[in-house]
C-alpha atoms as a PDB file:
ATOM      1  CA  MET A   1     147.231  83.672 112.495  1.00  0.00           C
ATOM      2  CA  LYS A   2     148.608  81.935 109.428  1.00  0.00           C
ATOM      3  CA  THR A   3     151.241  83.427 107.106  1.00  0.00           C
ATOM      4  CA  GLY A   4     152.307  82.771 103.547  1.00  0.00           C
ATOM      5  CA  ILE A   5     155.137  83.994 101.344  1.00  0.00           C
ATOM      6  CA  SER A   6     155.102  84.561  97.611  1.00  0.00           C
ATOM      7  CA  LYS A   7     158.254  85.370  95.637  1.00  0.00           C
ATOM      8  CA  LYS A   8     158.566  86.802  92.149  1.00  0.00           C
ATOM      9  CA  SER A   9     161.841  87.597  90.393  1.00  0.00           C
ATOM     10  CA  PHE A  10     162.208  89.709  87.278  1.00  0.00           C
ATOM     11  CA  THR A  11     165.003  91.287  85.271  1.00  0.00           C
ATOM     12  CA  VAL A  12     165.214  94.986  84.428  1.00  0.00           C
ATOM     13  CA  SER A  13     166.904  95.750  81.109  1.00  0.00           C
ATOM     14  CA  ALA A  14     168.841  98.846  80.024  1.00  0.00           C
ATOM     15  CA  GLU A  15     166.023  99.563  77.560  1.00  0.00           C
ATOM     16  CA  GLN A  16     163.431  99.540  80.354  1.00  0.00           C
ATOM     17  CA  MET A  17     165.562 101.912  82.439  1.00  0.00           C
ATOM     18  CA  LYS A  18     165.152 104.565  79.721  1.00  0.00           C
ATOM     19  CA  TYR A  19     161.482 105.068  80.657  1.00  0.00           C
ATOM     20  CA  ASP A  20     160.589 108.004  82.906  1.00  0.00           C
ATOM     21  CA  ASP A  21     158.614 105.905  85.360  1.00  0.00           C
ATOM     22  CA  ALA A  22     158.241 102.336  86.634  1.00  0.00           C
ATOM     23  CA  VAL A  23     155.191 101.167  88.576  1.00  0.00           C
ATOM     24  CA  ILE A  24     154.189  97.817  90.054  1.00  0.00           C
ATOM     25  CA  PHE A  25     150.436  97.147  90.197  1.00  0.00           C
ATOM     26  CA  PHE A  26     148.978  94.918  92.905  1.00  0.00           C
ATOM     27  CA  GLU A  27     145.364  93.739  92.691  1.00  0.00           C
ATOM     28  CA  GLY A  28     143.566  91.213  94.854  1.00  0.00           C
ATOM     29  CA  LEU A  29     146.228  90.914  97.545  1.00  0.00           C
ATOM     30  CA  ASP A  30     145.029  89.021 100.578  1.00  0.00           C
ATOM     31  CA  THR A  31     143.626  91.208 103.338  1.00  0.00           C
ATOM     32  CA  HIS A  32     146.878  91.774 105.253  1.00  0.00           C
ATOM     33  CA  ALA A  33     150.017  91.797 103.111  1.00  0.00           C
ATOM     34  CA  ASP A  34     153.460  93.408 103.282  1.00  0.00           C
ATOM     35  CA  ILE A  35     155.429  93.735 100.052  1.00  0.00           C
ATOM     36  CA  PHE A  36     159.200  94.049  99.787  1.00  0.00           C
ATOM     37  CA  LEU A  37     161.300  94.799  96.708  1.00  0.00           C
ATOM     38  CA  ASN A  38     164.968  93.852  97.092  1.00  0.00           C
ATOM     39  CA  GLY A  39     164.621  94.000 100.876  1.00  0.00           C
ATOM     40  CA  SER A  40     162.880  97.408 101.005  1.00  0.00           C
ATOM     41  CA  HIS A  41     159.306  97.606 102.297  1.00  0.00           C
ATOM     42  CA  ILE A  42     157.217  99.208  99.535  1.00  0.00           C
ATOM     43  CA  LEU A  43     153.605  98.528 100.556  1.00  0.00           C
ATOM     44  CA  ARG A  44     151.343  97.402 103.381  1.00  0.00           C
ATOM     45  CA  SER A  45     147.921  96.322 102.168  1.00  0.00           C
ATOM     46  CA  GLN A  46     144.989  95.898 104.528  1.00  0.00           C
ATOM     47  CA  ASN A  47     142.119  95.556 102.071  1.00  0.00           C
ATOM     48  CA  MET A  48     141.951  92.916  99.342  1.00  0.00           C
ATOM     49  CA  PHE A  49     139.336  94.917  97.438  1.00  0.00           C
ATOM     50  CA  THR A  50     141.677  97.862  96.859  1.00  0.00           C
ATOM     51  CA  GLY A  51     144.271  97.868  94.079  1.00  0.00           C
ATOM     52  CA  HIS A  52     147.641  99.499  94.607  1.00  0.00           C
ATOM     53  CA  LYS A  53     150.085 101.270  92.276  1.00  0.00           C
ATOM     54  CA  VAL A  54     153.588 101.548  93.710  1.00  0.00           C
ATOM     55  CA  PRO A  55     156.160 103.755  91.939  1.00  0.00           C
ATOM     56  CA  VAL A  56     159.534 101.956  91.999  1.00  0.00           C
ATOM     57  CA  LYS A  57     161.679 103.770  89.407  1.00  0.00           C
ATOM     58  CA  ASN A  58     164.022 105.167  92.088  1.00  0.00           C
ATOM     59  CA  MET A  59     164.630 101.616  93.405  1.00  0.00           C
ATOM     60  CA  LEU A  60     165.517 100.024  90.071  1.00  0.00           C
ATOM     61  CA  LYS A  61     168.818  99.393  88.379  1.00  0.00           C
ATOM     62  CA  GLU A  62     169.633  96.972  85.604  1.00  0.00           C
ATOM     63  CA  GLY A  63     169.632  93.328  86.604  1.00  0.00           C
ATOM     64  CA  LYS A  64     167.608  90.801  88.554  1.00  0.00           C
ATOM     65  CA  LYS A  65     165.127  92.027  91.175  1.00  0.00           C
ATOM     66  CA  THR A  66     163.107  90.035  93.692  1.00  0.00           C
ATOM     67  CA  CYS A  67     159.703  90.924  95.115  1.00  0.00           C
ATOM     68  CA  PHE A  68     158.431  89.149  98.242  1.00  0.00           C
ATOM     69  CA  ILE A  69     154.811  89.251  99.377  1.00  0.00           C
ATOM     70  CA  TYR A  70     154.184  88.261 102.997  1.00  0.00           C
ATOM     71  CA  VAL A  71     150.529  87.520 103.709  1.00  0.00           C
ATOM     72  CA  SER A  72     148.939  87.246 107.159  1.00  0.00           C
ATOM     73  CA  ILE A  73     145.662  85.382 107.320  1.00  0.00           C
ATOM     74  CA  LEU A  74     143.632  85.769 110.483  1.00  0.00           C
ATOM     75  CA  LEU A  75     141.768  82.597 111.390  1.00  0.00           C
ATOM     76  CA  TYR A  76     138.784  82.712 113.722  1.00  0.00           C
ATOM     77  CA  LYS A  77     137.280  79.753 115.551  1.00  0.00           C
ATOM     78  CA  GLN A  78     133.519  79.582 115.531  1.00  0.00           C
END
């Protein structure tokens, strides 16, 4: 099995916090992926053909946030 890590940082403003909801959309994740936002596990994906909407409003505060995507790639010998 091979693994990969992707990291994305973003900043949440006071203006953005005024909205009623906040959602992160994931499309085309590799087959097996675990997603963490600021250290909290928010999604486990096991199908790259399925998109995911993850509500995150309750996890957000103003400031910088970091999202990590850990991908597991299963390799088969022929």
